[in-house]
Every structure is written in structure tokens, then in C-alpha cells.
């Protein structure tokens, strides 16, 4: 079976609306925003689309800032290898944003701890924590992406789901956020 046939089957089964694997950069973010805006122009659910876009941008920004696979282009633009998928979960009847990138193995515990702390909070406490972090500058561009995780959790319809997997001696961080 051709790779495209396999991918089409998975994309259809998983109700994938948008997916990308490759070098993530600011031009990618611009392309992504333009594509999603065009595809959702006639949508009745603007607040869900807005939440999906914000969550996806947070995930891409985290990948661009904290990925183990960073590189510079010939124009000195920073890129990070990562994967982002937007789709619709039929069983949960909601949309999702799923991101994945390679991380430093030493960051694994720190990331898990931050997400577990955020998941333990109710919506009001998450909003309060986000305001506190933004006001204090805490976690601003430090390994762990605390502000981004809180922003995603605030817009999520459930707890942040995450996992780590080892592939060929490398550690990958996966995050799934439902809206």
C-alpha cells in the first residue's frame, strides 16, 4: 500500500482536519493561521475555532522554544522539528489539538510535574495561576513552558493529556488538548 493511501486512511479514521510534520517556524505559524481562518470562515462556532487556534499556536511556540531539534535556516530563522494535528474525536464529540516533538530527556520530569499541577486545578484556579505567571514573568521562556500549558488548560474542555515515548534513544513529548 502506498504511503499516501495509509495516511489517507488514518486521516479519515481519526477525523484529522489539519496535520503537519516538519520544520516549524514563524512562516509556518502564519501559513497555519491563514489556512485555519479560511477553512473556518463559515463556521458557526467561532469560539471553538479561536480556542483551537490559540492552543495550536501555544503548542507550536512551545516546540519552537523548547524542542531538542532546533536549527537555523540560511536566513537565521529558528526552526524546530515537530508535529501538529487538529481533528475531531467522534467518541468524545469534541475537537482536539495534538502536538509532538523531541525534548531533552532531563526535562521529562519537570514537564510532567507542571502539567500535573495544572491538571489538579479547577478552571478558576487556572485563570488565577495564569494571571499570576503573566504578572510575575514566572516561567517566561524557561524550560517547561508553564504559561503555555496553563493557557491551553484554560481553554480545554478536559484535563491536558500527555505522554512521553522513547524512539531510537530519543525522548518525544506528546500533548493532546480537547476543546
Protein backbone atom coordinates (compact mmCIF):
# COMPACT_ATOMS: atom_id res chain seq x y z
CA UNK A 1 0.00 0.00 0.00
CA UNK A 2 1.28 3.47 -0.86
CA UNK A 3 2.22 5.80 2.00
CA UNK A 4 -0.39 8.32 0.88
CA UNK A 5 -3.07 5.62 0.97
CA UNK A 6 -2.06 4.66 4.51
CA UNK A 7 -2.06 8.29 5.59
CA UNK A 8 -5.42 8.99 3.94
CA UNK A 9 -6.92 6.02 5.78
CA UNK A 10 -5.58 7.22 9.15
CA UNK A 11 -6.60 10.83 8.47
CA UNK A 12 -10.14 9.71 7.61
CA UNK A 13 -10.45 7.30 10.56
CA UNK A 14 -9.14 9.88 13.03
CA UNK A 15 -11.14 12.78 11.52
CA UNK A 16 -7.99 14.84 11.03
CA UNK A 17 -8.71 18.37 9.81
CA UNK A 18 -5.12 19.61 9.60
CA UNK A 19 -1.76 17.95 10.12
CA UNK A 20 1.84 18.94 9.66
CA UNK A 21 5.17 17.27 10.37
CA UNK A 22 8.37 19.14 9.68
CA UNK A 23 10.27 22.31 10.43
CA UNK A 24 8.11 24.68 12.45
CA UNK A 25 8.86 28.39 12.10
CA UNK A 26 7.14 31.77 12.12
CA UNK A 27 6.23 31.43 8.41
CA UNK A 28 4.58 28.10 9.30
CA UNK A 29 2.55 29.81 12.05
CA UNK A 30 1.45 32.45 9.51
CA UNK A 31 0.51 29.72 6.98
CA UNK A 32 -1.34 27.77 9.66
CA UNK A 33 -3.35 30.81 10.78
CA UNK A 34 -4.25 31.68 7.22
CA UNK A 35 -5.30 28.11 6.39
CA UNK A 36 -7.41 27.60 9.51
CA UNK A 37 -9.02 31.04 9.11
CA UNK A 38 -10.01 30.25 5.51
CA UNK A 39 -11.28 26.76 6.37
CA UNK A 40 -13.36 28.03 9.28
CA UNK A 41 -14.67 31.25 7.76
CA UNK A 42 -18.22 29.90 7.54
CA UNK A 43 -18.17 28.12 10.90
CA UNK A 44 -20.95 28.78 13.38
CA UNK A 45 -18.68 28.03 16.31
CA UNK A 46 -16.17 30.88 16.30
CA UNK A 47 -15.23 30.43 19.99
CA UNK A 48 -14.20 26.79 19.43
CA UNK A 49 -12.17 27.73 16.36
CA UNK A 50 -10.48 30.54 18.31
CA UNK A 51 -9.63 28.13 21.16
CA UNK A 52 -8.22 25.57 18.69
CA UNK A 53 -6.05 28.21 17.05
CA UNK A 54 -4.73 29.54 20.37
CA UNK A 55 -3.97 26.04 21.65
CA UNK A 56 -2.23 25.06 18.40
CA UNK A 57 -0.15 28.25 18.45
CA UNK A 58 0.83 27.58 22.09
CA UNK A 59 1.90 24.07 21.15
CA UNK A 60 3.91 25.26 18.14
CA UNK A 61 5.52 28.06 20.19
CA UNK A 62 6.50 25.52 22.86
CA UNK A 63 8.04 23.32 20.17
CA UNK A 64 9.92 26.25 18.67
CA UNK A 65 11.22 27.36 22.08
CA UNK A 66 11.95 24.05 23.78
CA UNK A 67 12.48 21.38 21.12
CA UNK A 68 15.63 19.29 21.22
CA UNK A 69 15.71 19.51 17.41
CA UNK A 70 16.32 23.22 16.79
CA UNK A 71 18.16 24.57 13.78
CA UNK A 72 18.80 27.85 11.99
CA UNK A 73 17.89 28.43 8.36
CA UNK A 74 20.14 30.25 5.91
CA UNK A 75 18.25 33.44 6.83
CA UNK A 76 18.98 32.91 10.57
CA UNK A 77 15.40 31.90 11.28
CA UNK A 78 14.94 29.38 14.08
CA UNK A 79 13.05 26.21 13.21
CA UNK A 80 12.10 23.20 15.28
CA UNK A 81 11.11 19.78 14.06
CA UNK A 82 7.65 18.89 15.30
CA UNK A 83 4.21 17.56 14.53
CA UNK A 84 0.83 19.22 14.99
CA UNK A 85 -2.57 17.64 14.32
CA UNK A 86 -6.05 19.17 14.59
CA UNK A 87 -9.02 16.86 14.41
CA UNK A 88 -12.39 15.83 15.72
CA UNK A 89 -12.78 12.99 18.22
CA UNK A 90 -16.08 11.31 17.33
CA UNK A 91 -16.34 9.36 20.58
CA UNK A 92 -15.82 12.45 22.77
CA UNK A 93 -17.70 14.68 20.32
CA UNK A 94 -15.11 17.44 20.51
CA UNK A 95 -12.13 18.84 18.65
CA UNK A 96 -8.52 18.25 19.63
CA UNK A 97 -5.04 19.62 19.07
CA UNK A 98 -2.26 17.04 19.33
CA UNK A 99 1.40 18.07 19.24
CA UNK A 100 4.66 16.15 19.45
CA UNK A 101 8.34 16.99 19.48
CA UNK A 102 11.66 15.71 20.72
CA UNK A 103 12.70 17.01 24.13
CA UNK A 104 15.75 16.90 26.33
CA UNK A 105 15.35 13.77 28.48
CA UNK A 106 16.24 15.87 31.56
CA UNK A 107 13.07 17.97 31.02
CA UNK A 108 10.72 14.98 31.22
CA UNK A 109 10.01 15.14 34.97
CA UNK A 110 9.74 18.94 35.01
CA UNK A 111 7.17 18.91 32.20
CA UNK A 112 5.13 16.13 33.81
CA UNK A 113 5.17 17.91 37.17
CA UNK A 114 3.96 21.21 35.67
CA UNK A 115 1.13 19.55 33.76
CA UNK A 116 0.05 17.50 36.78
CA UNK A 117 -0.03 20.68 38.91
CA UNK A 118 -2.14 22.47 36.28
CA UNK A 119 -4.46 19.47 35.82
CA UNK A 120 -5.11 19.41 39.58
CA UNK A 121 -6.58 22.95 39.45
CA UNK A 122 -10.15 23.90 38.63
CA UNK A 123 -10.86 26.47 35.90
CA UNK A 124 -10.93 29.43 38.30
CA UNK A 125 -7.59 28.45 39.86
CA UNK A 126 -6.08 28.00 36.37
CA UNK A 127 -7.12 31.54 35.40
CA UNK A 128 -5.68 32.89 38.65
CA UNK A 129 -2.41 30.99 38.09
CA UNK A 130 -2.16 32.31 34.53
CA UNK A 131 -2.65 35.92 35.67
CA UNK A 132 -0.03 35.40 38.39
CA UNK A 133 2.52 33.91 35.98
CA UNK A 134 1.95 36.64 33.39
CA UNK A 135 2.21 39.39 36.00
CA UNK A 136 5.34 37.98 37.65
CA UNK A 137 7.09 36.83 34.46
CA UNK A 138 7.49 33.41 36.10
CA UNK A 139 8.33 30.63 33.62
CA UNK A 140 8.88 33.16 30.84
CA UNK A 141 10.93 31.20 28.32
CA UNK A 142 12.32 28.75 30.84
CA UNK A 143 12.38 25.05 30.13
CA UNK A 144 8.94 23.73 30.98
CA UNK A 145 6.61 26.17 29.21
CA UNK A 146 4.39 26.70 32.27
CA UNK A 147 2.48 29.70 30.89
CA UNK A 148 1.67 27.89 27.65
CA UNK A 149 0.39 24.84 29.48
CA UNK A 150 -1.85 26.98 31.69
CA UNK A 151 -3.21 28.83 28.64
CA UNK A 152 -4.00 25.51 26.93
CA UNK A 153 -5.64 24.08 30.07
CA UNK A 154 -7.75 27.22 30.46
CA UNK A 155 -9.24 26.71 27.00
CA UNK A 156 -9.50 22.91 27.18
CA UNK A 157 -12.74 21.03 27.80
CA UNK A 158 -10.85 18.43 29.88
CA UNK A 159 -7.50 17.76 31.55
CA UNK A 160 -4.37 18.05 29.41
CA UNK A 161 -3.37 14.59 28.21
CA UNK A 162 0.32 13.93 27.69
CA UNK A 163 2.82 11.15 27.28
CA UNK A 164 6.49 10.59 26.65
CA UNK A 165 7.86 7.98 24.30
CA UNK A 166 11.34 6.83 23.50
CA UNK A 167 12.17 6.19 19.88
CA UNK A 168 15.71 5.28 18.81
CA UNK A 169 17.15 6.62 22.07
CA UNK A 170 15.34 9.98 21.76
CA UNK A 171 12.55 11.20 24.05
CA UNK A 172 9.41 12.66 22.49
CA UNK A 173 6.77 14.67 24.31
CA UNK A 174 3.16 14.30 23.12
CA UNK A 175 0.30 16.51 24.25
CA UNK A 176 -3.41 16.28 23.45
CA UNK A 177 -5.83 19.09 24.27
CA UNK A 178 -9.58 18.73 23.72
CA UNK A 179 -11.89 21.66 23.03
